C-alpha atoms as a PDB file:
ATOM      1  CA  MET A   1     -11.569 -14.248 -13.204  1.00  0.00           C
ATOM      2  CA  ARG A   2      -9.302 -11.140 -13.357  1.00  0.00           C
ATOM      3  CA  ARG A   3      -6.124 -11.682 -15.339  1.00  0.00           C
ATOM      4  CA  PHE A   4      -2.965  -9.668 -14.921  1.00  0.00           C
ATOM      5  CA  LYS A   5       0.053  -9.717 -17.202  1.00  0.00           C
ATOM      6  CA  ASN A   6       2.288 -10.634 -14.265  1.00  0.00           C
ATOM      7  CA  GLU A   7       1.123 -14.160 -13.579  1.00  0.00           C
ATOM      8  CA  LYS A   8       2.106 -14.334  -9.950  1.00  0.00           C
ATOM      9  CA  TYR A   9      -0.477 -11.690  -9.124  1.00  0.00           C
ATOM     10  CA  ASN A  10      -3.314 -13.715 -10.691  1.00  0.00           C
ATOM     11  CA  HIS A  11      -3.492 -15.817  -7.505  1.00  0.00           C
ATOM     12  CA  LEU A  12      -4.044 -12.940  -5.117  1.00  0.00           C
ATOM     13  CA  ALA A  13      -6.878 -13.510  -2.575  1.00  0.00           C
ATOM     14  CA  SER A  14      -9.987 -11.594  -3.459  1.00  0.00           C
ATOM     15  CA  VAL A  15     -10.814  -8.494  -1.397  1.00  0.00           C
ATOM     16  CA  ASN A  16     -14.199  -8.594   0.286  1.00  0.00           C
ATOM     17  CA  HIS A  17     -16.409  -5.653  -0.621  1.00  0.00           C
ATOM     18  CA  GLN A  18     -16.742  -2.943   2.019  1.00  0.00           C
ATOM     19  CA  PHE A  19     -18.013   0.525   1.557  1.00  0.00           C
ATOM     20  CA  LYS A  20     -18.839   2.809   4.443  1.00  0.00           C
ATOM     21  CA  ALA A  21     -18.625   6.495   5.500  1.00  0.00           C
ATOM     22  CA  ASP A  22     -18.102   7.445   9.027  1.00  0.00           C
ATOM     23  CA  ALA A  23     -18.814  11.197   9.403  1.00  0.00           C
ATOM     24  CA  GLY A  24     -17.220  13.367  12.004  1.00  0.00           C
ATOM     25  CA  GLU A  25     -17.037  17.059  12.742  1.00  0.00           C
ATOM     26  CA  ASP A  26     -13.469  17.442  11.733  1.00  0.00           C
ATOM     27  CA  ASN A  27     -12.811  14.263   9.831  1.00  0.00           C
ATOM     28  CA  THR A  28     -14.923  11.820   7.762  1.00  0.00           C
ATOM     29  CA  THR A  29     -13.558   8.369   7.042  1.00  0.00           C
ATOM     30  CA  LEU A  30     -14.458   6.696   3.752  1.00  0.00           C
ATOM     31  CA  THR A  31     -13.586   2.930   3.367  1.00  0.00           C
ATOM     32  CA  ILE A  32     -13.457   1.537  -0.147  1.00  0.00           C
ATOM     33  CA  TYR A  33     -12.523  -2.245  -0.268  1.00  0.00           C
ATOM     34  CA  GLY A  34     -13.106  -4.607  -3.101  1.00  0.00           C
ATOM     35  CA  ASP A  35     -13.963  -4.027  -6.736  1.00  0.00           C
ATOM     36  CA  ILE A  36     -14.777  -0.661  -8.309  1.00  0.00           C
ATOM     37  CA  GLY A  37     -17.883  -0.281 -10.493  1.00  0.00           C
ATOM     38  CA  GLU A  38     -21.546  -1.028 -10.802  1.00  0.00           C
ATOM     39  CA  SER A  39     -22.830  -4.475  -9.884  1.00  0.00           C
ATOM     40  CA  TRP A  40     -26.203  -6.196  -9.766  1.00  0.00           C
ATOM     41  CA  TRP A  41     -25.768  -7.449  -6.220  1.00  0.00           C
ATOM     42  CA  SER A  42     -24.098  -4.370  -4.655  1.00  0.00           C
ATOM     43  CA  GLU A  43     -20.801  -6.227  -4.238  1.00  0.00           C
ATOM     44  CA  SER A  44     -18.612  -3.372  -5.516  1.00  0.00           C
ATOM     45  CA  THR A  45     -18.254   0.368  -4.982  1.00  0.00           C
ATOM     46  CA  SER A  46     -19.524   2.637  -7.727  1.00  0.00           C
ATOM     47  CA  ALA A  47     -19.152   6.293  -8.483  1.00  0.00           C
ATOM     48  CA  LYS A  48     -22.846   6.738  -7.447  1.00  0.00           C
ATOM     49  CA  ASP A  49     -22.025   5.228  -4.056  1.00  0.00           C
ATOM     50  CA  VAL A  50     -19.200   7.699  -3.486  1.00  0.00           C
ATOM     51  CA  GLU A  51     -21.254  10.579  -4.857  1.00  0.00           C
ATOM     52  CA  SER A  52     -24.058   9.915  -2.344  1.00  0.00           C
ATOM     53  CA  ALA A  53     -21.586   9.612   0.562  1.00  0.00           C
ATOM     54  CA  LEU A  54     -19.764  12.840  -0.265  1.00  0.00           C
ATOM     55  CA  LYS A  55     -22.976  14.876  -0.312  1.00  0.00           C
ATOM     56  CA  THR A  56     -23.175  14.786   3.487  1.00  0.00           C
ATOM     57  CA  VAL A  57     -19.473  15.419   4.050  1.00  0.00           C
ATOM     58  CA  THR A  58     -18.915  18.846   5.734  1.00  0.00           C
ATOM     59  CA  SER A  59     -15.756  18.049   7.660  1.00  0.00           C
ATOM     60  CA  GLY A  60     -12.434  19.702   6.766  1.00  0.00           C
ATOM     61  CA  THR A  61     -10.636  16.421   6.236  1.00  0.00           C
ATOM     62  CA  LEU A  62     -11.697  13.350   4.305  1.00  0.00           C
ATOM     63  CA  THR A  63      -9.718  10.201   5.011  1.00  0.00           C
ATOM     64  CA  VAL A  64     -10.000   7.338   2.524  1.00  0.00           C
ATOM     65  CA  HIS A  65      -8.884   3.803   3.223  1.00  0.00           C
ATOM     66  CA  LEU A  66      -8.381   1.930   0.020  1.00  0.00           C
ATOM     67  CA  ASN A  67      -7.846  -1.773  -0.726  1.00  0.00           C
ATOM     68  CA  SER A  68      -8.986  -2.840  -4.203  1.00  0.00           C
ATOM     69  CA  PRO A  69      -7.764  -4.741  -7.232  1.00  0.00           C
ATOM     70  CA  GLY A  70      -9.536  -2.335  -9.469  1.00  0.00           C
ATOM     71  CA  GLY A  71     -12.565  -2.594 -11.749  1.00  0.00           C
ATOM     72  CA  ASP A  72     -14.358  -0.223 -14.159  1.00  0.00           C
ATOM     73  CA  VAL A  73     -12.001   2.528 -15.342  1.00  0.00           C
ATOM     74  CA  PHE A  74     -14.827   5.091 -15.874  1.00  0.00           C
ATOM     75  CA  ASP A  75     -16.109   4.620 -12.313  1.00  0.00           C
ATOM     76  CA  GLY A  76     -12.480   4.937 -11.204  1.00  0.00           C
ATOM     77  CA  ILE A  77     -12.016   8.234 -13.054  1.00  0.00           C
ATOM     78  CA  ALA A  78     -15.349   9.524 -11.871  1.00  0.00           C
ATOM     79  CA  ILE A  79     -14.445   8.808  -8.137  1.00  0.00           C
ATOM     80  CA  TYR A  80     -11.085  10.417  -8.815  1.00  0.00           C
ATOM     81  CA  ASN A  81     -12.795  13.607  -9.834  1.00  0.00           C
ATOM     82  CA  GLN A  82     -15.363  13.532  -7.121  1.00  0.00           C
ATOM     83  CA  LEU A  83     -12.554  13.439  -4.496  1.00  0.00           C
ATOM     84  CA  LYS A  84     -10.492  16.066  -6.370  1.00  0.00           C
ATOM     85  CA  ASN A  85     -13.409  18.477  -6.597  1.00  0.00           C
ATOM     86  CA  HIS A  86     -14.390  18.140  -2.929  1.00  0.00           C
ATOM     87  CA  SER A  87     -13.642  21.016  -0.573  1.00  0.00           C
ATOM     88  CA  ALA A  88     -12.220  18.743   2.141  1.00  0.00           C
ATOM     89  CA  LYS A  89      -8.508  17.914   2.309  1.00  0.00           C
ATOM     90  CA  VAL A  90      -8.315  14.350   0.998  1.00  0.00           C
ATOM     91  CA  ILE A  91      -5.879  11.869   2.656  1.00  0.00           C
ATOM     92  CA  VAL A  92      -5.742   8.393   1.060  1.00  0.00           C
ATOM     93  CA  TYR A  93      -4.258   5.398   2.888  1.00  0.00           C
ATOM     94  CA  VAL A  94      -3.512   2.366   0.653  1.00  0.00           C
ATOM     95  CA  ASP A  95      -4.189  -0.411   3.224  1.00  0.00           C
ATOM     96  CA  GLY A  96      -3.337  -3.269   0.983  1.00  0.00           C
ATOM     97  CA  LEU A  97      -3.551  -2.907  -2.757  1.00  0.00           C
ATOM     98  CA  ALA A  98      -4.471   0.001  -5.176  1.00  0.00           C
ATOM     99  CA  ALA A  99      -4.483  -1.542  -8.512  1.00  0.00           C
ATOM    100  CA  SER A 100      -5.920  -0.538 -11.899  1.00  0.00           C
ATOM    101  CA  ALA A 101      -8.956   1.667 -11.334  1.00  0.00           C
ATOM    102  CA  ALA A 102      -8.176   1.903  -7.638  1.00  0.00           C
ATOM    103  CA  SER A 103      -4.715   3.397  -8.424  1.00  0.00           C
ATOM    104  CA  ILE A 104      -6.550   6.154 -10.339  1.00  0.00           C
ATOM    105  CA  ILE A 105      -8.754   6.867  -7.286  1.00  0.00           C
ATOM    106  CA  ALA A 106      -5.549   7.077  -5.111  1.00  0.00           C
ATOM    107  CA  MET A 107      -4.126   9.791  -7.289  1.00  0.00           C
ATOM    108  CA  ALA A 108      -6.939  12.187  -6.060  1.00  0.00           C
ATOM    109  CA  ALA A 109      -5.242  12.457  -2.675  1.00  0.00           C
ATOM    110  CA  ASP A 110      -3.798  15.685  -1.392  1.00  0.00           C
ATOM    111  CA  GLU A 111      -1.656  13.323   0.682  1.00  0.00           C
ATOM    112  CA  LEU A 112      -1.209   9.659  -0.398  1.00  0.00           C
ATOM    113  CA  ILE A 113       0.157   7.310   2.312  1.00  0.00           C
ATOM    114  CA  MET A 114       1.183   3.784   1.587  1.00  0.00           C
ATOM    115  CA  ASN A 115       0.724   1.529   4.589  1.00  0.00           C
ATOM    116  CA  THR A 116       3.466  -0.998   5.281  1.00  0.00           C
ATOM    117  CA  GLY A 117       3.513  -3.776   2.715  1.00  0.00           C
ATOM    118  CA  SER A 118       0.932  -2.208   0.453  1.00  0.00           C
ATOM    119  CA  MET A 119       1.298  -1.989  -3.345  1.00  0.00           C
ATOM    120  CA  LEU A 120       0.199   0.179  -6.301  1.00  0.00           C
ATOM    121  CA  MET A 121      -0.336  -1.174  -9.782  1.00  0.00           C
ATOM    122  CA  ILE A 122      -0.906   0.764 -13.084  1.00  0.00           C
ATOM    123  CA  HIS A 123      -1.809  -0.839 -16.428  1.00  0.00           C
ATOM    124  CA  GLU A 124      -3.563  -0.307 -19.700  1.00  0.00           C
ATOM    125  CA  ALA A 125      -7.351  -0.309 -20.017  1.00  0.00           C
ATOM    126  CA  SER A 126      -8.831  -3.521 -21.296  1.00  0.00           C
ATOM    127  CA  THR A 127     -12.242  -4.695 -22.515  1.00  0.00           C
ATOM    128  CA  PHE A 128     -14.012  -7.488 -24.511  1.00  0.00           C
ATOM    129  CA  THR A 129     -15.282  -6.767 -28.091  1.00  0.00           C
ATOM    130  CA  TRP A 130     -17.116  -8.571 -30.859  1.00  0.00           C
ATOM    131  CA  GLY A 131     -18.016  -7.512 -34.362  1.00  0.00           C
ATOM    132  CA  THR A 132     -16.502  -6.359 -37.637  1.00  0.00           C
ATOM    133  CA  LYS A 133     -13.145  -4.833 -38.297  1.00  0.00           C
ATOM    134  CA  ALA A 134     -14.804  -1.415 -37.957  1.00  0.00           C
ATOM    135  CA  ASP A 135     -16.260  -2.367 -34.567  1.00  0.00           C
ATOM    136  CA  ILE A 136     -12.849  -3.601 -33.365  1.00  0.00           C
ATOM    137  CA  LYS A 137     -11.121  -0.402 -34.652  1.00  0.00           C
ATOM    138  CA  LYS A 138     -13.647   1.709 -32.693  1.00  0.00           C
ATOM    139  CA  THR A 139     -12.932  -0.251 -29.564  1.00  0.00           C
ATOM    140  CA  LEU A 140      -9.164   0.121 -30.158  1.00  0.00           C
ATOM    141  CA  ASN A 141      -9.475   3.943 -30.533  1.00  0.00           C
ATOM    142  CA  ALA A 142     -11.503   4.048 -27.351  1.00  0.00           C
ATOM    143  CA  LEU A 143      -8.917   2.116 -25.421  1.00  0.00           C
ATOM    144  CA  GLN A 144      -6.089   4.303 -26.697  1.00  0.00           C
ATOM    145  CA  GLY A 145      -8.009   7.369 -25.604  1.00  0.00           C
ATOM    146  CA  ILE A 146      -8.593   5.926 -22.088  1.00  0.00           C
ATOM    147  CA  ASP A 147      -4.880   5.145 -21.741  1.00  0.00           C
ATOM    148  CA  LYS A 148      -4.083   8.746 -22.593  1.00  0.00           C
ATOM    149  CA  SER A 149      -6.534   9.928 -19.980  1.00  0.00           C
ATOM    150  CA  ILE A 150      -5.167   7.792 -17.226  1.00  0.00           C
ATOM    151  CA  ALA A 151      -1.671   8.792 -18.093  1.00  0.00           C
ATOM    152  CA  ASP A 152      -2.829  12.419 -17.638  1.00  0.00           C
ATOM    153  CA  ILE A 153      -3.950  11.465 -14.137  1.00  0.00           C
ATOM    154  CA  TYR A 154      -0.704   9.760 -13.141  1.00  0.00           C
ATOM    155  CA  MET A 155       1.331  12.608 -14.474  1.00  0.00           C
ATOM    156  CA  THR A 156      -0.240  14.860 -11.837  1.00  0.00           C
ATOM    157  CA  ARG A 157       2.048  13.070  -9.443  1.00  0.00           C
ATOM    158  CA  TYR A 158       4.675  11.251 -11.370  1.00  0.00           C
ATOM    159  CA  GLN A 159       8.120  13.012 -11.264  1.00  0.00           C
ATOM    160  CA  GLY A 160       9.490  11.726 -14.534  1.00  0.00           C
ATOM    161  CA  ASP A 161       8.746  12.117 -18.255  1.00  0.00           C
ATOM    162  CA  ARG A 162       5.282  11.218 -19.815  1.00  0.00           C
ATOM    163  CA  SER A 163       6.938   8.704 -22.146  1.00  0.00           C
ATOM    164  CA  GLU A 164       8.139   6.764 -19.018  1.00  0.00           C
ATOM    165  CA  ILE A 165       4.731   6.642 -17.374  1.00  0.00           C
ATOM    166  CA  GLU A 166       3.200   5.504 -20.706  1.00  0.00           C
ATOM    167  CA  THR A 167       5.651   2.628 -20.845  1.00  0.00           C
ATOM    168  CA  LEU A 168       5.019   1.793 -17.169  1.00  0.00           C
ATOM    169  CA  ILE A 169       1.340   1.645 -17.985  1.00  0.00           C
ATOM    170  CA  GLU A 170       1.829  -0.451 -21.004  1.00  0.00           C
ATOM    171  CA  ASN A 171       4.038  -2.917 -19.101  1.00  0.00           C
ATOM    172  CA  GLU A 172       1.562  -3.389 -16.226  1.00  0.00           C
ATOM    173  CA  THR A 173       3.846  -2.142 -13.476  1.00  0.00           C
ATOM    174  CA  TRP A 174       3.614  -3.106  -9.751  1.00  0.00           C
ATOM    175  CA  PHE A 175       5.167  -0.791  -7.199  1.00  0.00           C
ATOM    176  CA  THR A 176       5.976  -1.512  -3.570  1.00  0.00           C
ATOM    177  CA  SER A 177       5.128   1.120  -1.043  1.00  0.00           C
ATOM    178  CA  SER A 178       8.637   2.640  -1.056  1.00  0.00           C
ATOM    179  CA  GLU A 179       8.920   2.515  -4.826  1.00  0.00           C
ATOM    180  CA  ALA A 180       5.659   4.418  -5.247  1.00  0.00           C
ATOM    181  CA  VAL A 181       7.069   7.113  -2.959  1.00  0.00           C
ATOM    182  CA  GLU A 182      10.394   7.259  -4.801  1.00  0.00           C
ATOM    183  CA  LEU A 183       8.629   7.961  -8.094  1.00  0.00           C
ATOM    184  CA  GLY A 184       6.331  10.596  -6.572  1.00  0.00           C
ATOM    185  CA  LEU A 185       3.171   8.519  -7.004  1.00  0.00           C
ATOM    186  CA  ALA A 186       2.747   8.585  -3.234  1.00  0.00           C
ATOM    187  CA  ASP A 187       3.891  10.819  -0.407  1.00  0.00           C
ATOM    188  CA  LYS A 188       5.180   8.506   2.298  1.00  0.00           C
ATOM    189  CA  VAL A 189       5.153   5.026   3.707  1.00  0.00           C
ATOM    190  CA  ASN A 190       3.240   4.709   6.974  1.00  0.00           C
ATOM    191  CA  ASP A 191       5.747   2.400   8.741  1.00  0.00           C
ATOM    192  CA  VAL A 192       3.966   1.744  12.092  1.00  0.00           C
ATOM    193  CA  GLN A 193       5.237  -0.625  14.682  1.00  0.00           C
ATOM    194  CA  GLU A 194       3.108  -1.732  17.663  1.00  0.00           C
ATOM    195  CA  ASP A 195       4.230  -0.296  20.982  1.00  0.00           C
ATOM    196  CA  ASP A 196       4.385  -3.751  22.504  1.00  0.00           C
ATOM    197  CA  GLU A 197       6.310  -5.351  19.578  1.00  0.00           C
ATOM    198  CA  LEU A 198       9.865  -6.156  20.510  1.00  0.00           C
ATOM    199  CA  ASP A 199      12.449  -5.216  17.919  1.00  0.00           C
ATOM    200  CA  PRO A 200      14.390  -8.395  16.856  1.00  0.00           C
ATOM    201  CA  GLU A 201      17.787  -6.631  17.335  1.00  0.00           C
ATOM    202  CA  GLU A 202      16.812  -5.530  20.822  1.00  0.00           C
ATOM    203  CA  PHE A 203      15.700  -9.039  21.676  1.00  0.00           C
ATOM    204  CA  LYS A 204      18.986 -10.485  20.445  1.00  0.00           C
ATOM    205  CA  ASN A 205      20.997  -7.943  22.513  1.00  0.00           C
ATOM    206  CA  SER A 206      19.006  -8.681  25.646  1.00  0.00           C
ATOM    207  CA  ILE A 207      19.837 -12.341  25.329  1.00  0.00           C
ATOM    208  CA  LEU A 208      23.498 -11.623  24.808  1.00  0.00           C
ATOM    209  CA  GLN A 209      23.558  -9.374  27.869  1.00  0.00           C
ATOM    210  CA  LYS A 210      21.931 -12.117  29.898  1.00  0.00           C
ATOM    211  CA  PHE A 211      24.732 -14.541  28.937  1.00  0.00           C
ATOM    212  CA  ARG A 212      27.425 -11.923  29.577  1.00  0.00           C
ATOM    213  CA  ASN A 213      26.135 -11.243  33.032  1.00  0.00           C
ATOM    214  CA  LYS A 214      25.957 -14.986  33.743  1.00  0.00           C
ATOM    215  CA  ASN A 215      29.610 -15.417  32.679  1.00  0.00           C
ATOM    216  CA  GLN A 216      30.693 -12.515  34.885  1.00  0.00           C
ATOM    217  CA  GLN A 217      28.953 -14.155  37.871  1.00  0.00           C
ATOM    218  CA  THR A 218      30.886 -17.373  37.493  1.00  0.00           C
ATOM    219  CA  THR A 219      34.199 -15.634  38.333  1.00  0.00           C
ATOM    220  CA  ILE A 220      35.601 -16.442  41.751  1.00  0.00           C
ATOM    221  CA  VAL A 221      38.529 -15.076  43.713  1.00  0.00           C
ATOM    222  CA  ALA A 222      41.539 -17.316  44.433  1.00  0.00           C
ATOM    223  CA  HIS A 223      45.041 -16.919  45.842  1.00  0.00           C
ATOM    224  CA  ASP A 224      48.173 -18.014  44.058  1.00  0.00           C
ATOM    225  CA  GLY A 225      51.127 -19.501  45.786  1.00  0.00           C
ATOM    226  CA  ASN A 226      52.699 -16.139  46.537  1.00  0.00           C
ATOM    227  CA  GLY A 227      49.600 -14.707  48.253  1.00  0.00           C
ATOM    228  CA  LYS A 228      48.345 -12.690  45.313  1.00  0.00           C
ATOM    229  CA  ILE A 229      44.563 -12.525  44.463  1.00  0.00           C
ATOM    230  CA  VAL A 230      43.714 -14.096  41.113  1.00  0.00           C
ATOM    231  CA  ALA A 231      40.407 -13.812  39.263  1.00  0.00           C
ATOM    232  CA  LYS A 232      39.442 -17.220  38.128  1.00  0.00           C
ATOM    233  CA  SER A 233      36.423 -18.796  36.393  1.00  0.00           C
ATOM    234  CA  ILE A 234      34.589 -21.746  38.065  1.00  0.00           C
ATOM    235  CA  LEU A 235      35.001 -23.508  34.765  1.00  0.00           C
ATOM    236  CA  ASP A 236      38.811 -23.448  35.066  1.00  0.00           C
ATOM    237  CA  ASN A 237      38.459 -25.856  38.004  1.00  0.00           C
ATOM    238  CA  PHE A 238      37.229 -28.562  35.609  1.00  0.00           C
ATOM    239  CA  LYS A 239      39.912 -28.081  32.905  1.00  0.00           C
ATOM    240  CA  ARG A 240      42.378 -30.828  32.494  1.00  0.00           C
ATOM    241  CA  GLN A 241      45.746 -30.155  34.054  1.00  0.00           C
END
């Protein structure tokens, strides 16, 4: 089971694996959902999968839809470089989550768009190790090197200082779609509303107008004792004298 420092994210629903490439003359759409890396049962997306798909892409634009909790950091870095080195303009949409290795892939975008409600997460590399002190030291050195490499990648977009991004990585930082844009990690939030979706404020105002019209229609015309016309509400007839 994947474990995050922030405990509330350890109960996220798993993302079903989906990898497909829909080629078009002007645009090719690549969908990457689920874990990143090699697997025995083809239930994740590897760098080899992406490499094979990109070989046939001749369109001028490559659109990537991404929803992944992450996985193998080296596959993530390899996919990042495959996208960066491709001749097509790369537009990445984060449909749900781009965490860990998936956030590295997202950085390859020429234009990175966060769909409404999506999130981006960056953190330190992690692994399991067993052996002597020398073995553990080698693993530690490797992890430190990986963290420097992924900091290099985030810094291609991040608008602040490197020391800040290094601390954000160490802290395991989760960004909302708008926060990712504010820090320069993404370009914009794709805030799309359905055409037939009624805005809550518009609905409230329509109800208010309905009642206002109804109240206006209850007004009748009456004459006072001096023959003058007086506007009067029907409800006034029922008030106690």
